[in-house]
């Protein structure tokens, strides 16, 4: 199922962190590509089972779904999908981190 979405950052601080990355940073380029993919299809990531959700995300953001988008070099971008209105979805970027921090967050 392909569903376009509007992509937002969950907080102004997270958006500032993204904007502070240098334009030629490979991570920023990969994230721009990920954002474009999410705009075209909110479901382009891999859905994470509810039992694996970090409690912090549930408490802080009240999420009921969590998706992972794999970036190059083991980096991960986490996002949730929410309805904006009857026809539009929002993909809200929650966080991005390297594989080591991802494993720590999910207790692997």
N, C-alpha and C. Protein backbone atom coordinates (compact mmCIF):
# COMPACT_ATOMS: atom_id res chain seq x y z
N UNK A 1 0.85 -1.18 0.00
CA UNK A 1 0.00 0.00 0.00
C UNK A 1 0.89 1.25 0.00
N UNK A 2 0.67 2.13 -0.93
CA UNK A 2 1.45 3.37 -1.03
C UNK A 2 0.57 4.53 -0.59
N UNK A 3 1.02 5.22 0.44
CA UNK A 3 0.28 6.37 0.97
C UNK A 3 1.24 7.54 1.13
N UNK A 4 1.03 8.62 0.38
CA UNK A 4 1.87 9.80 0.56
C UNK A 4 1.66 10.39 1.95
N UNK A 5 2.65 11.14 2.42
CA UNK A 5 2.52 11.78 3.72
C UNK A 5 3.26 13.10 3.75
N UNK A 6 2.86 13.91 4.69
CA UNK A 6 3.57 15.14 5.00
C UNK A 6 4.60 14.74 6.06
N UNK A 7 5.84 15.16 5.91
CA UNK A 7 6.89 14.77 6.87
C UNK A 7 7.22 15.95 7.76
N UNK A 8 7.20 15.71 9.07
CA UNK A 8 7.52 16.74 10.06
C UNK A 8 8.50 16.17 11.07
N UNK A 9 9.14 17.05 11.81
CA UNK A 9 9.97 16.63 12.94
C UNK A 9 9.10 16.74 14.18
N UNK A 10 9.28 15.83 15.12
CA UNK A 10 8.45 15.80 16.31
C UNK A 10 8.66 17.03 17.20
N UNK A 11 9.82 17.68 17.06
CA UNK A 11 10.09 18.87 17.87
C UNK A 11 10.92 19.87 17.08
N UNK A 12 10.85 21.12 17.49
CA UNK A 12 11.67 22.16 16.87
C UNK A 12 13.16 21.88 17.08
N UNK A 13 13.48 21.34 18.26
CA UNK A 13 14.88 21.04 18.57
C UNK A 13 15.44 19.99 17.61
N UNK A 14 14.64 18.97 17.33
CA UNK A 14 15.08 17.92 16.41
C UNK A 14 15.27 18.50 15.00
N UNK A 15 14.37 19.37 14.60
CA UNK A 15 14.49 20.00 13.29
C UNK A 15 15.75 20.87 13.23
N UNK A 16 16.04 21.58 14.31
CA UNK A 16 17.26 22.41 14.37
C UNK A 16 18.50 21.53 14.24
N UNK A 17 18.48 20.38 14.93
CA UNK A 17 19.62 19.45 14.83
C UNK A 17 19.82 18.98 13.40
N UNK A 18 18.73 18.67 12.72
CA UNK A 18 18.81 18.26 11.32
C UNK A 18 19.37 19.40 10.47
N UNK A 19 18.82 20.60 10.64
CA UNK A 19 19.26 21.75 9.84
C UNK A 19 20.70 22.15 10.13
N UNK A 20 21.21 21.79 11.31
CA UNK A 20 22.59 22.16 11.65
C UNK A 20 23.61 21.22 11.02
N UNK A 21 23.15 20.08 10.48
CA UNK A 21 24.08 19.18 9.77
C UNK A 21 24.55 19.89 8.51
N UNK A 22 25.83 19.72 8.19
CA UNK A 22 26.38 20.34 6.98
C UNK A 22 25.70 19.74 5.74
N UNK A 23 25.55 20.58 4.71
CA UNK A 23 24.87 20.14 3.48
C UNK A 23 25.56 18.95 2.82
N UNK A 24 26.89 18.86 2.95
CA UNK A 24 27.60 17.76 2.30
C UNK A 24 27.77 16.54 3.22
N UNK A 25 27.17 16.58 4.40
CA UNK A 25 27.22 15.46 5.33
C UNK A 25 26.46 14.28 4.73
N UNK A 26 27.11 13.11 4.60
CA UNK A 26 26.43 11.94 4.01
C UNK A 26 25.15 11.57 4.78
N UNK A 27 25.16 11.78 6.10
CA UNK A 27 23.97 11.48 6.90
C UNK A 27 22.82 12.40 6.52
N UNK A 28 23.11 13.69 6.34
CA UNK A 28 22.05 14.63 5.96
C UNK A 28 21.49 14.27 4.58
N UNK A 29 22.39 13.93 3.66
CA UNK A 29 21.94 13.54 2.32
C UNK A 29 21.04 12.30 2.39
N UNK A 30 21.41 11.33 3.22
CA UNK A 30 20.61 10.11 3.36
C UNK A 30 19.26 10.43 3.99
N UNK A 31 19.25 11.35 4.96
CA UNK A 31 18.00 11.72 5.60
C UNK A 31 17.09 12.48 4.65
N UNK A 32 17.66 13.31 3.81
CA UNK A 32 16.86 14.02 2.80
C UNK A 32 16.20 13.01 1.86
N UNK A 33 16.96 11.99 1.48
CA UNK A 33 16.42 10.94 0.62
C UNK A 33 15.30 10.18 1.37
N UNK A 34 15.52 9.90 2.67
CA UNK A 34 14.51 9.21 3.47
C UNK A 34 13.24 10.06 3.57
N UNK A 35 13.39 11.35 3.80
CA UNK A 35 12.24 12.25 3.90
C UNK A 35 11.46 12.24 2.58
N UNK A 36 12.19 12.26 1.47
CA UNK A 36 11.53 12.21 0.16
C UNK A 36 10.76 10.90 -0.01
N UNK A 37 11.38 9.80 0.40
CA UNK A 37 10.71 8.50 0.32
C UNK A 37 9.44 8.49 1.17
N UNK A 38 9.52 9.06 2.37
CA UNK A 38 8.36 9.09 3.27
C UNK A 38 7.26 9.99 2.72
N UNK A 39 7.64 11.07 2.03
CA UNK A 39 6.63 11.93 1.41
C UNK A 39 5.86 11.15 0.35
N UNK A 40 6.58 10.28 -0.37
CA UNK A 40 5.94 9.49 -1.42
C UNK A 40 5.17 8.31 -0.84
N UNK A 41 5.68 7.73 0.26
CA UNK A 41 5.03 6.56 0.86
C UNK A 41 5.38 6.48 2.34
N UNK A 42 4.41 6.79 3.19
CA UNK A 42 4.62 6.77 4.64
C UNK A 42 5.06 5.39 5.14
N UNK A 43 4.69 4.36 4.38
CA UNK A 43 4.98 2.99 4.82
C UNK A 43 6.26 2.43 4.20
N UNK A 44 7.20 3.29 3.82
CA UNK A 44 8.42 2.80 3.17
C UNK A 44 9.44 2.27 4.18
N UNK A 45 9.20 2.45 5.46
CA UNK A 45 10.09 1.90 6.47
C UNK A 45 9.65 0.50 6.89
N UNK A 46 10.21 0.03 7.99
CA UNK A 46 9.90 -1.28 8.54
C UNK A 46 9.16 -1.06 9.85
N UNK A 47 7.98 -1.66 9.98
CA UNK A 47 7.20 -1.46 11.20
C UNK A 47 7.82 -2.23 12.36
N UNK A 48 7.90 -1.56 13.51
CA UNK A 48 8.45 -2.17 14.72
C UNK A 48 7.28 -2.69 15.56
N UNK A 49 7.36 -3.93 16.03
CA UNK A 49 6.27 -4.48 16.86
C UNK A 49 6.09 -3.67 18.15
N UNK A 50 4.82 -3.55 18.57
CA UNK A 50 4.48 -2.74 19.75
C UNK A 50 5.27 -3.16 20.99
N UNK A 51 5.49 -4.45 21.15
CA UNK A 51 6.19 -4.93 22.35
C UNK A 51 7.62 -4.41 22.44
N UNK A 52 8.16 -3.93 21.33
CA UNK A 52 9.54 -3.42 21.31
C UNK A 52 9.61 -1.89 21.45
N UNK A 53 8.46 -1.20 21.48
CA UNK A 53 8.49 0.28 21.58
C UNK A 53 9.22 0.70 22.84
N UNK A 54 10.17 1.62 22.74
CA UNK A 54 10.74 2.19 23.97
C UNK A 54 9.63 2.93 24.73
N UNK A 55 9.53 2.66 26.03
CA UNK A 55 8.49 3.29 26.85
C UNK A 55 8.54 4.81 26.76
N UNK A 56 9.75 5.33 26.62
CA UNK A 56 9.95 6.78 26.50
C UNK A 56 9.10 7.38 25.36
N UNK A 57 9.02 6.68 24.24
CA UNK A 57 8.25 7.19 23.09
C UNK A 57 6.75 7.20 23.40
N UNK A 58 6.30 6.16 24.09
CA UNK A 58 4.87 6.08 24.43
C UNK A 58 4.51 7.19 25.41
N UNK A 59 5.36 7.39 26.43
CA UNK A 59 5.09 8.40 27.45
C UNK A 59 5.22 9.82 26.89
N UNK A 60 6.28 10.03 26.12
CA UNK A 60 6.57 11.39 25.63
C UNK A 60 5.67 11.81 24.47
N UNK A 61 5.39 10.88 23.55
CA UNK A 61 4.68 11.24 22.33
C UNK A 61 3.31 10.57 22.17
N UNK A 62 3.00 9.60 23.03
CA UNK A 62 1.73 8.90 22.93
C UNK A 62 1.56 8.13 21.63
N UNK A 63 2.65 7.56 21.12
CA UNK A 63 2.59 6.87 19.83
C UNK A 63 1.85 5.54 19.94
N UNK A 64 1.26 5.10 18.83
CA UNK A 64 0.66 3.76 18.78
C UNK A 64 1.22 2.97 17.59
N UNK A 65 2.21 3.55 16.89
CA UNK A 65 2.94 2.83 15.84
C UNK A 65 4.33 3.41 15.74
N UNK A 66 5.26 2.58 15.33
CA UNK A 66 6.65 3.02 15.24
C UNK A 66 7.28 2.35 14.03
N UNK A 67 8.00 3.13 13.27
CA UNK A 67 8.62 2.65 12.04
C UNK A 67 10.11 2.99 12.04
N UNK A 68 10.88 2.12 11.40
CA UNK A 68 12.33 2.31 11.28
C UNK A 68 12.66 2.42 9.81
N UNK A 69 13.46 3.42 9.48
CA UNK A 69 13.96 3.57 8.11
C UNK A 69 15.47 3.42 8.21
N UNK A 70 16.02 2.43 7.52
CA UNK A 70 17.47 2.19 7.56
C UNK A 70 18.20 3.20 6.68
N UNK A 71 19.18 3.83 7.29
CA UNK A 71 20.05 4.78 6.60
C UNK A 71 21.40 4.10 6.38
N UNK A 72 22.25 4.65 5.50
CA UNK A 72 23.57 4.05 5.28
C UNK A 72 24.42 4.02 6.56
N UNK A 73 25.41 3.13 6.55
CA UNK A 73 26.39 2.99 7.64
C UNK A 73 25.76 2.64 8.98
N UNK A 74 24.65 1.91 8.95
CA UNK A 74 24.03 1.44 10.19
C UNK A 74 23.21 2.47 10.95
N UNK A 75 23.02 3.65 10.38
CA UNK A 75 22.19 4.66 11.04
C UNK A 75 20.71 4.30 10.87
N UNK A 76 19.90 4.72 11.81
CA UNK A 76 18.46 4.45 11.78
C UNK A 76 17.70 5.76 11.98
N UNK A 77 16.57 5.86 11.29
CA UNK A 77 15.67 6.99 11.48
C UNK A 77 14.35 6.39 11.98
N UNK A 78 13.85 6.88 13.10
CA UNK A 78 12.60 6.37 13.65
C UNK A 78 11.50 7.39 13.46
N UNK A 79 10.32 6.90 13.09
CA UNK A 79 9.20 7.80 12.88
C UNK A 79 7.89 7.12 13.22
N UNK A 80 6.87 7.92 13.40
CA UNK A 80 5.53 7.41 13.64
C UNK A 80 4.61 8.02 12.60
N UNK A 81 3.52 7.33 12.31
CA UNK A 81 2.57 7.81 11.31
C UNK A 81 1.27 8.17 12.00
N UNK A 82 0.77 9.35 11.69
CA UNK A 82 -0.50 9.81 12.28
C UNK A 82 -1.38 10.38 11.19
N UNK A 83 -2.70 10.23 11.34
CA UNK A 83 -3.59 10.85 10.35
C UNK A 83 -3.62 12.37 10.56
N UNK A 84 -3.60 13.12 9.47
CA UNK A 84 -3.69 14.58 9.54
C UNK A 84 -5.13 14.99 9.28
N UNK A 85 -5.72 14.34 8.30
CA UNK A 85 -7.14 14.51 8.00
C UNK A 85 -7.57 13.23 7.28
N UNK A 86 -8.71 13.26 6.65
CA UNK A 86 -9.22 12.02 6.04
C UNK A 86 -8.35 11.49 4.91
N UNK A 87 -7.60 12.35 4.24
CA UNK A 87 -6.82 11.89 3.09
C UNK A 87 -5.31 11.98 3.28
N UNK A 88 -4.84 12.74 4.26
CA UNK A 88 -3.39 12.94 4.39
C UNK A 88 -2.87 12.31 5.68
N UNK A 89 -1.70 11.72 5.56
CA UNK A 89 -0.99 11.19 6.72
C UNK A 89 0.18 12.10 7.05
N UNK A 90 0.62 12.03 8.30
CA UNK A 90 1.83 12.74 8.72
C UNK A 90 2.83 11.69 9.18
N UNK A 91 4.05 11.77 8.66
CA UNK A 91 5.16 10.96 9.16
C UNK A 91 5.97 11.89 10.06
N UNK A 92 5.97 11.61 11.36
CA UNK A 92 6.68 12.46 12.32
C UNK A 92 7.99 11.79 12.70
N UNK A 93 9.09 12.44 12.37
CA UNK A 93 10.42 11.91 12.69
C UNK A 93 10.66 12.10 14.18
N UNK A 94 10.98 11.00 14.88
CA UNK A 94 11.19 11.05 16.32
C UNK A 94 12.66 11.18 16.68
N UNK A 95 13.51 10.51 15.91
CA UNK A 95 14.91 10.45 16.30
C UNK A 95 15.71 9.77 15.19
N UNK A 96 17.01 9.99 15.20
CA UNK A 96 17.90 9.21 14.35
C UNK A 96 19.16 8.97 15.15
N UNK A 97 19.77 7.83 14.94
CA UNK A 97 20.99 7.51 15.66
C UNK A 97 21.72 6.37 14.97
N UNK A 98 22.97 6.16 15.42
CA UNK A 98 23.77 5.09 14.83
C UNK A 98 23.31 3.74 15.39
N UNK A 99 23.84 2.68 14.83
CA UNK A 99 23.40 1.34 15.18
C UNK A 99 23.60 1.03 16.67
N UNK A 100 24.73 1.46 17.22
CA UNK A 100 25.03 1.20 18.63
C UNK A 100 23.98 1.84 19.54
N UNK A 101 23.64 3.10 19.28
CA UNK A 101 22.64 3.79 20.08
C UNK A 101 21.24 3.20 19.85
N UNK A 102 20.99 2.74 18.62
CA UNK A 102 19.72 2.09 18.31
C UNK A 102 19.58 0.82 19.16
N UNK A 103 20.63 0.01 19.19
CA UNK A 103 20.60 -1.23 19.98
C UNK A 103 20.40 -0.92 21.46
N UNK A 104 21.06 0.14 21.94
CA UNK A 104 20.94 0.52 23.35
C UNK A 104 19.49 0.95 23.64
N UNK A 105 18.90 1.74 22.75
CA UNK A 105 17.52 2.24 22.93
C UNK A 105 16.54 1.08 23.00
N UNK A 106 16.77 0.06 22.17
CA UNK A 106 15.82 -1.06 22.09
C UNK A 106 16.24 -2.25 22.95
N UNK A 107 17.32 -2.10 23.68
CA UNK A 107 17.75 -3.14 24.61
C UNK A 107 18.22 -4.42 23.96
N UNK A 108 18.84 -4.32 22.80
CA UNK A 108 19.36 -5.53 22.13
C UNK A 108 20.71 -5.90 22.69
